[in-house]
C-alpha atoms as a PDB file:
ATOM      1  CA  UNK A   1      83.781  83.013 103.525  1.00  0.00           C
ATOM      2  CA  UNK A   2      87.134  81.752 102.696  1.00  0.00           C
ATOM      3  CA  UNK A   3      88.562  78.547 103.163  1.00  0.00           C
ATOM      4  CA  UNK A   4      91.136  77.783 106.298  1.00  0.00           C
ATOM      5  CA  UNK A   5      95.000  77.789 105.139  1.00  0.00           C
ATOM      6  CA  UNK A   6      94.028  73.561 105.961  1.00  0.00           C
ATOM      7  CA  UNK A   7      91.463  72.799 103.257  1.00  0.00           C
ATOM      8  CA  UNK A   8      94.355  74.478 100.746  1.00  0.00           C
ATOM      9  CA  UNK A   9      94.591  71.433  98.598  1.00  0.00           C
ATOM     10  CA  UNK A  10      98.135  72.870  97.117  1.00  0.00           C
ATOM     11  CA  UNK A  11      99.124  73.631 100.514  1.00  0.00           C
ATOM     12  CA  UNK A  12      98.670  69.493 101.036  1.00  0.00           C
ATOM     13  CA  UNK A  13     100.873  69.325  97.973  1.00  0.00           C
ATOM     14  CA  UNK A  14     103.519  71.774  98.529  1.00  0.00           C
ATOM     15  CA  UNK A  15     103.882  69.533 102.007  1.00  0.00           C
ATOM     16  CA  UNK A  16     104.556  66.057  99.850  1.00  0.00           C
ATOM     17  CA  UNK A  17     106.970  68.141  97.903  1.00  0.00           C
ATOM     18  CA  UNK A  18     109.142  68.828 100.487  1.00  0.00           C
ATOM     19  CA  UNK A  19     108.890  65.165 102.319  1.00  0.00           C
ATOM     20  CA  UNK A  20     109.327  64.262  99.477  1.00  0.00           C
ATOM     21  CA  UNK A  21     112.577  65.698  98.832  1.00  0.00           C
ATOM     22  CA  UNK A  22     113.168  65.204 103.002  1.00  0.00           C
ATOM     23  CA  UNK A  23     113.399  61.474 101.792  1.00  0.00           C
ATOM     24  CA  UNK A  24     116.395  62.083  99.720  1.00  0.00           C
ATOM     25  CA  UNK A  25     118.235  63.810 102.388  1.00  0.00           C
ATOM     26  CA  UNK A  26     117.393  61.335 104.504  1.00  0.00           C
ATOM     27  CA  UNK A  27     116.236  57.919 103.209  1.00  0.00           C
ATOM     28  CA  UNK A  28     114.498  55.494 104.973  1.00  0.00           C
ATOM     29  CA  UNK A  29     110.828  55.221 103.232  1.00  0.00           C
ATOM     30  CA  UNK A  30     109.665  57.354 106.723  1.00  0.00           C
ATOM     31  CA  UNK A  31     109.561  60.189 105.271  1.00  0.00           C
ATOM     32  CA  UNK A  32     108.005  58.878 101.697  1.00  0.00           C
ATOM     33  CA  UNK A  33     105.122  57.588 103.015  1.00  0.00           C
ATOM     34  CA  UNK A  34     103.965  60.872 104.951  1.00  0.00           C
ATOM     35  CA  UNK A  35     104.773  62.245 101.286  1.00  0.00           C
ATOM     36  CA  UNK A  36     102.079  60.091 100.045  1.00  0.00           C
ATOM     37  CA  UNK A  37      99.503  60.813 102.319  1.00  0.00           C
ATOM     38  CA  UNK A  38      99.740  64.517 102.126  1.00  0.00           C
ATOM     39  CA  UNK A  39      99.888  63.955  98.134  1.00  0.00           C
ATOM     40  CA  UNK A  40      96.242  62.117  98.568  1.00  0.00           C
ATOM     41  CA  UNK A  41      95.041  64.355 100.674  1.00  0.00           C
ATOM     42  CA  UNK A  42      96.327  67.673  98.852  1.00  0.00           C
ATOM     43  CA  UNK A  43      94.150  65.612  95.665  1.00  0.00           C
ATOM     44  CA  UNK A  44      91.042  64.425  97.345  1.00  0.00           C
ATOM     45  CA  UNK A  45      90.941  68.186  98.502  1.00  0.00           C
ATOM     46  CA  UNK A  46      90.967  69.284  95.047  1.00  0.00           C
ATOM     47  CA  UNK A  47      86.820  67.016  94.786  1.00  0.00           C
ATOM     48  CA  UNK A  48      84.291  70.067  94.498  1.00  0.00           C
ATOM     49  CA  UNK A  49      82.042  69.722  98.270  1.00  0.00           C
ATOM     50  CA  UNK A  50      84.660  68.019 100.278  1.00  0.00           C
ATOM     51  CA  UNK A  51      85.377  69.736 103.093  1.00  0.00           C
ATOM     52  CA  UNK A  52      86.056  67.975 106.446  1.00  0.00           C
ATOM     53  CA  UNK A  53      87.508  69.325 109.894  1.00  0.00           C
ATOM     54  CA  UNK A  54      90.551  69.388 111.051  1.00  0.00           C
ATOM     55  CA  UNK A  55      90.544  66.693 113.119  1.00  0.00           C
ATOM     56  CA  UNK A  56      88.878  63.977 110.409  1.00  0.00           C
ATOM     57  CA  UNK A  57      91.176  65.929 107.971  1.00  0.00           C
ATOM     58  CA  UNK A  58      94.515  64.954 110.506  1.00  0.00           C
ATOM     59  CA  UNK A  59      92.857  61.119 110.794  1.00  0.00           C
ATOM     60  CA  UNK A  60      92.714  60.599 106.784  1.00  0.00           C
ATOM     61  CA  UNK A  61      96.235  62.102 106.486  1.00  0.00           C
ATOM     62  CA  UNK A  62      97.435  59.533 109.072  1.00  0.00           C
ATOM     63  CA  UNK A  63      95.488  56.716 108.005  1.00  0.00           C
ATOM     64  CA  UNK A  64      95.964  56.970 104.325  1.00  0.00           C
ATOM     65  CA  UNK A  65     100.350  58.162 105.066  1.00  0.00           C
ATOM     66  CA  UNK A  66     100.306  54.435 107.341  1.00  0.00           C
ATOM     67  CA  UNK A  67      98.801  52.578 104.049  1.00  0.00           C
ATOM     68  CA  UNK A  68     101.789  54.123 102.188  1.00  0.00           C
ATOM     69  CA  UNK A  69     104.302  53.186 104.506  1.00  0.00           C
ATOM     70  CA  UNK A  70     103.245  49.529 104.977  1.00  0.00           C
ATOM     71  CA  UNK A  71     102.722  49.119 101.100  1.00  0.00           C
ATOM     72  CA  UNK A  72     106.536  50.359 100.797  1.00  0.00           C
ATOM     73  CA  UNK A  73     108.382  48.699 103.846  1.00  0.00           C
ATOM     74  CA  UNK A  74     106.567  45.396 102.156  1.00  0.00           C
ATOM     75  CA  UNK A  75     106.823  46.365  98.589  1.00  0.00           C
ATOM     76  CA  UNK A  76     111.044  47.182  99.247  1.00  0.00           C
ATOM     77  CA  UNK A  77     111.446  44.639 102.486  1.00  0.00           C
ATOM     78  CA  UNK A  78     114.424  42.203 102.142  1.00  0.00           C
ATOM     79  CA  UNK A  79     112.457  38.698 101.850  1.00  0.00           C
ATOM     80  CA  UNK A  80     112.075  37.354 105.518  1.00  0.00           C
ATOM     81  CA  UNK A  81     115.003  36.401 106.854  1.00  0.00           C
ATOM     82  CA  UNK A  82     117.955  37.211 105.250  1.00  0.00           C
ATOM     83  CA  UNK A  83     120.542  39.799 105.513  1.00  0.00           C
ATOM     84  CA  UNK A  84     122.002  42.139 103.691  1.00  0.00           C
ATOM     85  CA  UNK A  85     125.521  41.573 103.552  1.00  0.00           C
ATOM     86  CA  UNK A  86     128.894  42.956 101.677  1.00  0.00           C
ATOM     87  CA  UNK A  87     131.783  40.864  99.942  1.00  0.00           C
ATOM     88  CA  UNK A  88     133.501  43.843  98.997  1.00  0.00           C
ATOM     89  CA  UNK A  89     134.732  47.583 100.207  1.00  0.00           C
ATOM     90  CA  UNK A  90     133.652  50.239  97.589  1.00  0.00           C
ATOM     91  CA  UNK A  91     136.931  52.046  98.516  1.00  0.00           C
ATOM     92  CA  UNK A  92     139.067  49.466  97.313  1.00  0.00           C
END
């Protein structure tokens, strides 16, 4: 019997790659968190015998994506209370 498509590890890694490319086109660390979550989920599916149901797998993906987004937000955020200002125009 074949596994359902959501248990195929390379589909999750391909989705992570697509989300990573989407992050380059539309930056903002939103898609990067989802890409990291999908990549880790795909790597978890490589483990022999790890075959959760679809709701459990989606919960794992959601928790990993949220954790990745929160870590990225903390790592790359401006220090508290600072606002990004520009003193020059790039067109000058």
